Protein backbone atom coordinates (compact mmCIF):
# COMPACT_ATOMS: atom_id res chain seq x y z
CA MET A 1 -47.74 76.21 174.89
CA GLU A 2 -50.98 74.47 173.89
CA PRO A 3 -49.90 73.91 170.27
CA TYR A 4 -46.99 71.80 171.54
CA PHE A 5 -47.98 70.27 174.88
CA ILE A 6 -50.89 68.66 176.65
CA MET A 7 -51.36 69.06 180.37
CA GLU A 8 -51.54 65.43 181.45
CA ASP A 9 -51.58 65.78 185.22
CA LEU A 10 -51.84 68.40 187.95
CA HIS A 11 -51.20 67.56 191.59
CA ASN A 12 -50.96 69.57 194.79
CA PHE A 13 -48.20 68.24 197.04
CA GLY A 14 -48.87 70.84 199.77
CA LEU A 15 -50.05 68.46 202.49
CA HIS A 16 -47.12 66.13 201.81
CA TYR A 17 -44.71 69.06 201.93
CA ASP A 18 -45.95 69.73 205.47
CA TYR A 19 -44.75 66.22 206.38
CA THR A 20 -41.44 66.88 204.68
CA LEU A 21 -40.87 70.09 206.62
CA MET A 22 -41.76 68.44 209.91
CA GLU A 23 -39.27 65.69 209.18
CA TRP A 24 -36.59 68.30 208.38
CA LEU A 25 -37.43 69.99 211.69
CA LYS A 26 -37.05 66.73 213.59
CA ARG A 27 -33.70 66.01 211.93
CA PHE A 28 -32.45 69.56 212.47
CA LYS A 29 -33.25 69.32 216.19
CA ALA A 30 -31.60 65.91 216.43
CA SER A 31 -28.45 67.20 214.65
CA TRP A 32 -28.20 70.40 216.63
CA PRO A 33 -25.76 69.05 219.28
CA GLU A 34 -23.26 68.40 216.46
CA LEU A 35 -23.91 71.76 214.77
CA LYS A 36 -24.26 74.18 217.65
CA ASN A 37 -20.54 74.98 217.95
CA ASN A 38 -20.62 76.39 214.43
CA TYR A 39 -23.85 78.37 214.64
CA SER A 40 -25.48 80.79 217.08
CA GLU A 41 -28.56 80.21 219.20
CA LYS A 42 -30.23 82.86 217.02
CA PHE A 43 -29.58 80.73 213.95
CA TYR A 44 -31.15 77.72 215.73
CA ARG A 45 -34.25 79.67 216.67
CA MET A 46 -34.58 81.14 213.18
CA TRP A 47 -34.51 77.66 211.55
CA ILE A 48 -36.98 76.28 214.11
CA TYR A 49 -39.29 79.19 213.37
CA TYR A 50 -38.81 78.97 209.59
CA LEU A 51 -39.44 75.20 209.32
CA SER A 52 -42.39 75.35 211.77
CA SER A 53 -44.08 78.31 210.12
CA CYS A 54 -43.60 76.88 206.62
CA ALA A 55 -45.09 73.55 207.72
CA ALA A 56 -48.01 75.38 209.30
CA SER A 57 -48.68 77.39 206.13
CA PHE A 58 -48.85 74.18 204.07
CA ARG A 59 -50.98 72.47 206.73
CA MET A 60 -53.45 75.38 206.71
CA ARG A 61 -53.38 75.38 202.89
CA LYS A 62 -52.05 78.94 202.72
CA ASN A 63 -49.18 77.68 200.54
CA ASN A 64 -49.27 75.00 197.91
CA LEU A 65 -46.72 73.07 195.93
CA TRP A 66 -47.96 72.11 192.47
CA GLN A 67 -46.60 69.57 190.05
CA ILE A 68 -47.74 70.01 186.49
CA VAL A 69 -46.96 67.24 184.03
CA MET A 70 -46.88 68.27 180.40
CA ILE A 71 -46.28 65.92 177.52
CA LYS A 72 -45.60 66.56 173.87
CA LYS A 73 -48.62 66.12 171.63
CA THR A 74 -46.49 63.65 169.70
CA TYR A 75 -45.90 61.41 172.76
CA PRO A 76 -47.04 57.95 171.59
CA GLY A 77 -47.54 56.29 175.02
CA GLU A 78 -49.88 56.63 177.97
CA TYR A 79 -48.87 58.73 180.96
CA LYS A 80 -49.17 56.78 184.23
CA PRO A 81 -48.80 58.88 187.38
CA ILE A 82 -46.72 57.11 190.04
CA ARG A 83 -47.85 59.35 192.91
CA LYS A 84 -50.77 57.14 193.90
CA LEU A 85 -48.45 54.20 194.53
CA HIS A 86 -45.77 56.35 196.13
CA PHE A 87 -48.06 58.21 198.54
CA LYS A 88 -50.01 55.12 199.50
CA SER A 89 -46.80 53.50 200.68
CA MET A 90 -45.72 56.75 202.33
CA GLU A 91 -48.86 57.07 204.49
CA SER A 92 -47.61 54.41 206.90
CA THR A 93 -44.34 56.35 207.49
CA VAL A 94 -46.02 59.52 208.80
CA PRO A 95 -45.65 59.45 212.59
CA GLU A 96 -48.92 59.49 214.53
CA ASN A 97 -47.58 62.14 216.89
CA LEU A 98 -46.54 64.47 214.03
CA TYR A 99 -48.76 67.26 215.30
CA ASN A 100 -48.43 66.53 218.99
CA GLU A 101 -47.52 69.73 220.87
CA SER A 102 -44.53 68.13 222.58
CA TYR A 103 -43.17 67.12 219.21
CA LEU A 104 -43.18 70.77 218.14
CA ARG A 105 -41.83 72.18 221.40
CA ASN A 106 -38.97 69.87 222.31
CA PRO A 107 -35.62 70.92 220.85
């Protein structure tokens, strides 16, 4: 790979994936009244467990989600990562009570 590409950027999105999973959990719980006639209570509990345990594993840095940016050696321009701008604007959207126990317990 090295004869053809240069590793231009490496970023761990793990902490941000925790936020994503918690948002999916919130939306799943909010949508459950519309979905519950098509799925069992066991399905509901399994998804709550899955999303919660995945979020916890990213929060505790047991899992990671890496983005590796490779460019061709012949690329004439400069690579400019957009993540700094994107995540700076995203910080204000993370709810303060994200890790509040009641947020995790209430269906």
